[in-house]
Amino acid sequence: MNPSWNATFDVSIGQGCASEVIEAVCWDRDRFRKEYLGEFCLNIYELFPDGPLGLTDPANEVPD
């Protein structure tokens, strides 16, 4: 079995954020039980090595 989900999540990260890591934990929940599927951590500085992007930065634009 190789499930896939077509899901998108928007996460706002403020400059005063207390952590430098984003952690995601995935669970499968149905009527009978809740099952742990996995987790991962991302270092914010690995995603944005050049620092925060400005509000007018073209890299912030979402394609149509």
PDB file of N, CA and C in Angstrom:
ATOM      1  N   MET A   1       0.844  -1.166   0.000  1.00  0.00           N
ATOM      2  CA  MET A   1       0.000   0.000   0.000  1.00  0.00           C
ATOM      3  C   MET A   1       0.899   1.242   0.000  1.00  0.00           C
ATOM      4  N   ASN A   2       0.579   2.190  -0.847  1.00  0.00           N
ATOM      5  CA  ASN A   2       1.356   3.429  -0.931  1.00  0.00           C
ATOM      6  C   ASN A   2       0.380   4.602  -1.016  1.00  0.00           C
ATOM      7  N   PRO A   3      -0.187   5.015   0.115  1.00  0.00           N
ATOM      8  CA  PRO A   3      -1.186   6.096   0.075  1.00  0.00           C
ATOM      9  C   PRO A   3      -0.555   7.439  -0.261  1.00  0.00           C
ATOM     10  N   SER A   4      -1.364   8.301  -0.828  1.00  0.00           N
ATOM     11  CA  SER A   4      -0.927   9.679  -1.070  1.00  0.00           C
ATOM     12  C   SER A   4      -2.116  10.602  -0.833  1.00  0.00           C
ATOM     13  N   TRP A   5      -1.838  11.797  -0.390  1.00  0.00           N
ATOM     14  CA  TRP A   5      -2.873  12.779  -0.113  1.00  0.00           C
ATOM     15  C   TRP A   5      -2.535  14.046  -0.863  1.00  0.00           C
ATOM     16  N   ASN A   6      -3.535  14.637  -1.437  1.00  0.00           N
ATOM     17  CA  ASN A   6      -3.356  15.899  -2.133  1.00  0.00           C
ATOM     18  C   ASN A   6      -3.740  17.009  -1.158  1.00  0.00           C
ATOM     19  N   ALA A   7      -2.823  17.356  -0.269  1.00  0.00           N
ATOM     20  CA  ALA A   7      -3.094  18.347   0.772  1.00  0.00           C
ATOM     21  C   ALA A   7      -2.028  19.420   0.749  1.00  0.00           C
ATOM     22  N   THR A   8      -2.452  20.641   1.017  1.00  0.00           N
ATOM     23  CA  THR A   8      -1.544  21.782   1.099  1.00  0.00           C
ATOM     24  C   THR A   8      -1.766  22.479   2.426  1.00  0.00           C
ATOM     25  N   PHE A   9      -0.688  22.883   3.064  1.00  0.00           N
ATOM     26  CA  PHE A   9      -0.773  23.578   4.342  1.00  0.00           C
ATOM     27  C   PHE A   9       0.006  24.877   4.256  1.00  0.00           C
ATOM     28  N   ASP A  10      -0.581  25.952   4.742  1.00  0.00           N
ATOM     29  CA  ASP A  10       0.100  27.238   4.847  1.00  0.00           C
ATOM     30  C   ASP A  10       0.495  27.442   6.301  1.00  0.00           C
ATOM     31  N   VAL A  11       1.761  27.764   6.515  1.00  0.00           N
ATOM     32  CA  VAL A  11       2.266  27.971   7.863  1.00  0.00           C
ATOM     33  C   VAL A  11       2.902  29.356   7.919  1.00  0.00           C
ATOM     34  N   SER A  12       2.441  30.174   8.841  1.00  0.00           N
ATOM     35  CA  SER A  12       3.037  31.500   9.031  1.00  0.00           C
ATOM     36  C   SER A  12       4.117  31.403  10.098  1.00  0.00           C
ATOM     37  N   ILE A  13       5.277  31.959   9.779  1.00  0.00           N
ATOM     38  CA  ILE A  13       6.398  31.942  10.711  1.00  0.00           C
ATOM     39  C   ILE A  13       6.799  33.382  10.983  1.00  0.00           C
ATOM     40  N   GLY A  14       6.589  33.830  12.206  1.00  0.00           N
ATOM     41  CA  GLY A  14       6.952  35.197  12.580  1.00  0.00           C
ATOM     42  C   GLY A  14       8.430  35.318  12.888  1.00  0.00           C
ATOM     43  N   GLN A  15       8.952  36.535  12.782  1.00  0.00           N
ATOM     44  CA  GLN A  15      10.369  36.740  13.049  1.00  0.00           C
ATOM     45  C   GLN A  15      10.725  36.484  14.508  1.00  0.00           C
ATOM     46  N   GLY A  16       9.792  36.610  15.414  1.00  0.00           N
ATOM     47  CA  GLY A  16      10.062  36.370  16.822  1.00  0.00           C
ATOM     48  C   GLY A  16       9.786  34.939  17.230  1.00  0.00           C
ATOM     49  N   CYS A  17       9.775  34.035  16.273  1.00  0.00           N
ATOM     50  CA  CYS A  17       9.444  32.636  16.545  1.00  0.00           C
ATOM     51  C   CYS A  17      10.421  32.049  17.567  1.00  0.00           C
ATOM     52  N   ALA A  18       9.880  31.304  18.537  1.00  0.00           N
ATOM     53  CA  ALA A  18      10.703  30.748  19.606  1.00  0.00           C
ATOM     54  C   ALA A  18      11.529  29.544  19.157  1.00  0.00           C
ATOM     55  N   SER A  19      11.157  28.902  18.047  1.00  0.00           N
ATOM     56  CA  SER A  19      11.851  27.702  17.594  1.00  0.00           C
ATOM     57  C   SER A  19      12.378  27.906  16.184  1.00  0.00           C
ATOM     58  N   GLU A  20      13.459  27.220  15.856  1.00  0.00           N
ATOM     59  CA  GLU A  20      14.022  27.263  14.504  1.00  0.00           C
ATOM     60  C   GLU A  20      13.662  26.010  13.718  1.00  0.00           C
ATOM     61  N   VAL A  21      12.773  25.186  14.275  1.00  0.00           N
ATOM     62  CA  VAL A  21      12.428  23.904  13.667  1.00  0.00           C
ATOM     63  C   VAL A  21      10.919  23.791  13.501  1.00  0.00           C
ATOM     64  N   ILE A  22      10.502  23.297  12.337  1.00  0.00           N
ATOM     65  CA  ILE A  22       9.102  22.963  12.099  1.00  0.00           C
ATOM     66  C   ILE A  22       8.985  21.450  12.240  1.00  0.00           C
ATOM     67  N   GLU A  23       8.083  20.999  13.095  1.00  0.00           N
ATOM     68  CA  GLU A  23       7.888  19.571  13.305  1.00  0.00           C
ATOM     69  C   GLU A  23       6.489  19.183  12.847  1.00  0.00           C
ATOM     70  N   ALA A  24       6.399  18.126  12.059  1.00  0.00           N
ATOM     71  CA  ALA A  24       5.103  17.621  11.602  1.00  0.00           C
ATOM     72  C   ALA A  24       4.962  16.164  12.005  1.00  0.00           C
ATOM     73  N   VAL A  25       3.807  15.826  12.562  1.00  0.00           N
ATOM     74  CA  VAL A  25       3.513  14.456  12.970  1.00  0.00           C
ATOM     75  C   VAL A  25       2.247  14.025  12.248  1.00  0.00           C
ATOM     76  N   CYS A  26       2.262  12.842  11.662  1.00  0.00           N
ATOM     77  CA  CYS A  26       1.138  12.361  10.871  1.00  0.00           C
ATOM     78  C   CYS A  26       0.486  11.157  11.550  1.00  0.00           C
ATOM     79  N   TRP A  27      -0.850  11.230  11.689  1.00  0.00           N
ATOM     80  CA  TRP A  27      -1.636  10.156  12.278  1.00  0.00           C
ATOM     81  C   TRP A  27      -2.738   9.765  11.306  1.00  0.00           C
ATOM     82  N   ASP A  28      -3.092   8.494  11.297  1.00  0.00           N
ATOM     83  CA  ASP A  28      -4.242   8.003  10.557  1.00  0.00           C
ATOM     84  C   ASP A  28      -5.325   7.700  11.592  1.00  0.00           C
ATOM     85  N   ARG A  29      -6.449   8.369  11.487  1.00  0.00           N
ATOM     86  CA  ARG A  29      -7.518   8.159  12.458  1.00  0.00           C
ATOM     87  C   ARG A  29      -8.773   7.713  11.724  1.00  0.00           C
ATOM     88  N   ASP A  30      -9.329   6.630  12.177  1.00  0.00           N
ATOM     89  CA  ASP A  30     -10.603   6.157  11.630  1.00  0.00           C
ATOM     90  C   ASP A  30     -11.553   5.875  12.795  1.00  0.00           C
ATOM     91  N   ARG A  31     -12.648   5.196  12.512  1.00  0.00           N
ATOM     92  CA  ARG A  31     -13.660   4.973  13.556  1.00  0.00           C
ATOM     93  C   ARG A  31     -13.160   4.094  14.701  1.00  0.00           C
ATOM     94  N   PHE A  32     -12.179   3.264  14.458  1.00  0.00           N
ATOM     95  CA  PHE A  32     -11.787   2.267  15.449  1.00  0.00           C
ATOM     96  C   PHE A  32     -10.493   2.584  16.196  1.00  0.00           C
ATOM     97  N   ARG A  33      -9.575   3.306  15.576  1.00  0.00           N
ATOM     98  CA  ARG A  33      -8.296   3.564  16.244  1.00  0.00           C
ATOM     99  C   ARG A  33      -7.570   4.748  15.613  1.00  0.00           C
ATOM    100  N   LYS A  34      -6.524   5.161  16.286  1.00  0.00           N
ATOM    101  CA  LYS A  34      -5.636   6.223  15.816  1.00  0.00           C
ATOM    102  C   LYS A  34      -4.252   5.597  15.674  1.00  0.00           C
ATOM    103  N   GLU A  35      -3.674   5.675  14.478  1.00  0.00           N
ATOM    104  CA  GLU A  35      -2.415   4.996  14.200  1.00  0.00           C
ATOM    105  C   GLU A  35      -1.337   6.000  13.786  1.00  0.00           C
ATOM    106  N   TYR A  36      -0.198   5.925  14.449  1.00  0.00           N
ATOM    107  CA  TYR A  36       0.950   6.790  14.145  1.00  0.00           C
ATOM    108  C   TYR A  36       1.548   6.367  12.805  1.00  0.00           C
ATOM    109  N   LEU A  37       1.741   7.337  11.883  1.00  0.00           N
ATOM    110  CA  LEU A  37       2.321   7.040  10.574  1.00  0.00           C
ATOM    111  C   LEU A  37       3.764   7.507  10.441  1.00  0.00           C
ATOM    112  N   GLY A  38       4.102   8.596  11.096  1.00  0.00           N
ATOM    113  CA  GLY A  38       5.475   9.089  10.994  1.00  0.00           C
ATOM    114  C   GLY A  38       5.561  10.554  11.347  1.00  0.00           C
ATOM    115  N   GLU A  39       6.769  11.066  11.308  1.00  0.00           N
ATOM    116  CA  GLU A  39       7.005  12.481  11.605  1.00  0.00           C
ATOM    117  C   GLU A  39       8.299  12.936  10.954  1.00  0.00           C
ATOM    118  N   PHE A  40       8.452  14.258  10.848  1.00  0.00           N
ATOM    119  CA  PHE A  40       9.695  14.824  10.340  1.00  0.00           C
ATOM    120  C   PHE A  40       9.889  16.217  10.931  1.00  0.00           C
ATOM    121  N   CYS A  41      11.118  16.670  10.899  1.00  0.00           N
ATOM    122  CA  CYS A  41      11.467  18.015  11.357  1.00  0.00           C
ATOM    123  C   CYS A  41      12.232  18.723  10.247  1.00  0.00           C
ATOM    124  N   LEU A  42      11.956  20.013  10.077  1.00  0.00           N
ATOM    125  CA  LEU A  42      12.665  20.841   9.105  1.00  0.00           C
ATOM    126  C   LEU A  42      13.271  22.033   9.831  1.00  0.00           C
ATOM    127  N   ASN A  43      14.524  22.289   9.572  1.00  0.00           N
ATOM    128  CA  ASN A  43      15.158  23.474  10.104  1.00  0.00           C
ATOM    129  C   ASN A  43      14.783  24.653   9.204  1.00  0.00           C
ATOM    130  N   ILE A  44      14.241  25.709   9.782  1.00  0.00           N
ATOM    131  CA  ILE A  44      13.798  26.870   9.013  1.00  0.00           C
ATOM    132  C   ILE A  44      14.945  27.452   8.187  1.00  0.00           C
ATOM    133  N   TYR A  45      16.151  27.451   8.736  1.00  0.00           N
ATOM    134  CA  TYR A  45      17.283  28.036   8.028  1.00  0.00           C
ATOM    135  C   TYR A  45      17.718  27.197   6.831  1.00  0.00           C
ATOM    136  N   GLU A  46      17.366  25.914   6.810  1.00  0.00           N
ATOM    137  CA  GLU A  46      17.626  25.103   5.620  1.00  0.00           C
ATOM    138  C   GLU A  46      16.649  25.454   4.506  1.00  0.00           C
ATOM    139  N   LEU A  47      15.421  25.842   4.877  1.00  0.00           N
ATOM    140  CA  LEU A  47      14.422  26.241   3.884  1.00  0.00           C
ATOM    141  C   LEU A  47      14.703  27.634   3.328  1.00  0.00           C
ATOM    142  N   PHE A  48      15.188  28.527   4.191  1.00  0.00           N
ATOM    143  CA  PHE A  48      15.440  29.920   3.817  1.00  0.00           C
ATOM    144  C   PHE A  48      16.868  30.302   4.193  1.00  0.00           C
ATOM    145  N   PRO A  49      17.873  29.793   3.474  1.00  0.00           N
ATOM    146  CA  PRO A  49      19.265  30.042   3.840  1.00  0.00           C
ATOM    147  C   PRO A  49      19.674  31.517   3.724  1.00  0.00           C
ATOM    148  N   ASP A  50      18.947  32.299   2.924  1.00  0.00           N
ATOM    149  CA  ASP A  50      19.281  33.715   2.756  1.00  0.00           C
ATOM    150  C   ASP A  50      18.528  34.605   3.734  1.00  0.00           C
ATOM    151  N   GLY A  51      17.842  34.007   4.699  1.00  0.00           N
ATOM    152  CA  GLY A  51      17.091  34.782   5.686  1.00  0.00           C
ATOM    153  C   GLY A  51      15.655  34.996   5.246  1.00  0.00           C
ATOM    154  N   PRO A  52      14.914  35.786   6.028  1.00  0.00           N
ATOM    155  CA  PRO A  52      13.496  35.999   5.718  1.00  0.00           C
ATOM    156  C   PRO A  52      13.301  36.751   4.410  1.00  0.00           C
ATOM    157  N   LEU A  53      12.184  36.462   3.751  1.00  0.00           N
ATOM    158  CA  LEU A  53      11.819  37.158   2.520  1.00  0.00           C
ATOM    159  C   LEU A  53      10.956  38.358   2.863  1.00  0.00           C
ATOM    160  N   GLY A  54      11.146  39.447   2.140  1.00  0.00           N
ATOM    161  CA  GLY A  54      10.337  40.637   2.353  1.00  0.00           C
ATOM    162  C   GLY A  54       8.939  40.475   1.774  1.00  0.00           C
ATOM    163  N   LEU A  55       8.003  41.303   2.230  1.00  0.00           N
ATOM    164  CA  LEU A  55       6.625  41.219   1.748  1.00  0.00           C
ATOM    165  C   LEU A  55       6.507  41.513   0.262  1.00  0.00           C
ATOM    166  N   THR A  56       7.393  42.321  -0.280  1.00  0.00           N
ATOM    167  CA  THR A  56       7.327  42.669  -1.704  1.00  0.00           C
ATOM    168  C   THR A  56       8.263  41.811  -2.552  1.00  0.00           C
ATOM    169  N   ASP A  57       8.882  40.810  -1.964  1.00  0.00           N
ATOM    170  CA  ASP A  57       9.800  39.930  -2.691  1.00  0.00           C
ATOM    171  C   ASP A  57       9.009  39.078  -3.675  1.00  0.00           C
ATOM    172  N   PRO A  58       9.381  39.047  -4.952  1.00  0.00           N
ATOM    173  CA  PRO A  58       8.667  38.236  -5.957  1.00  0.00           C
ATOM    174  C   PRO A  58       8.664  36.745  -5.611  1.00  0.00           C
ATOM    175  N   ALA A  59       9.613  36.271  -4.827  1.00  0.00           N
ATOM    176  CA  ALA A  59       9.650  34.861  -4.445  1.00  0.00           C
ATOM    177  C   ALA A  59       8.470  34.479  -3.559  1.00  0.00           C
ATOM    178  N   ASN A  60       7.782  35.462  -2.998  1.00  0.00           N
ATOM    179  CA  ASN A  60       6.621  35.190  -2.152  1.00  0.00           C
ATOM    180  C   ASN A  60       5.338  35.013  -2.932  1.00  0.00           C
ATOM    181  N   GLU A  61       5.350  35.292  -4.224  1.00  0.00           N
ATOM    182  CA  GLU A  61       4.136  35.202  -5.025  1.00  0.00           C
ATOM    183  C   GLU A  61       3.726  33.751  -5.237  1.00  0.00           C
ATOM    184  N   VAL A  62       2.440  33.504  -5.120  1.00  0.00           N
ATOM    185  CA  VAL A  62       1.880  32.178  -5.340  1.00  0.00           C
ATOM    186  C   VAL A  62       1.407  32.103  -6.787  1.00  0.00           C
ATOM    187  N   PRO A  63       1.860  31.087  -7.539  1.00  0.00           N
ATOM    188  CA  PRO A  63       1.424  30.993  -8.938  1.00  0.00           C
ATOM    189  C   PRO A  63      -0.065  30.682  -9.033  1.00  0.00           C
ATOM    190  N   ASP A  64      -0.688  31.188 -10.092  1.00  0.00           N
ATOM    191  CA  ASP A  64      -2.126  30.939 -10.330  1.00  0.00           C
ATOM    192  C   ASP A  64      -2.380  29.561 -10.829  1.00  0.00           C
TER     193      ASP A  64
END
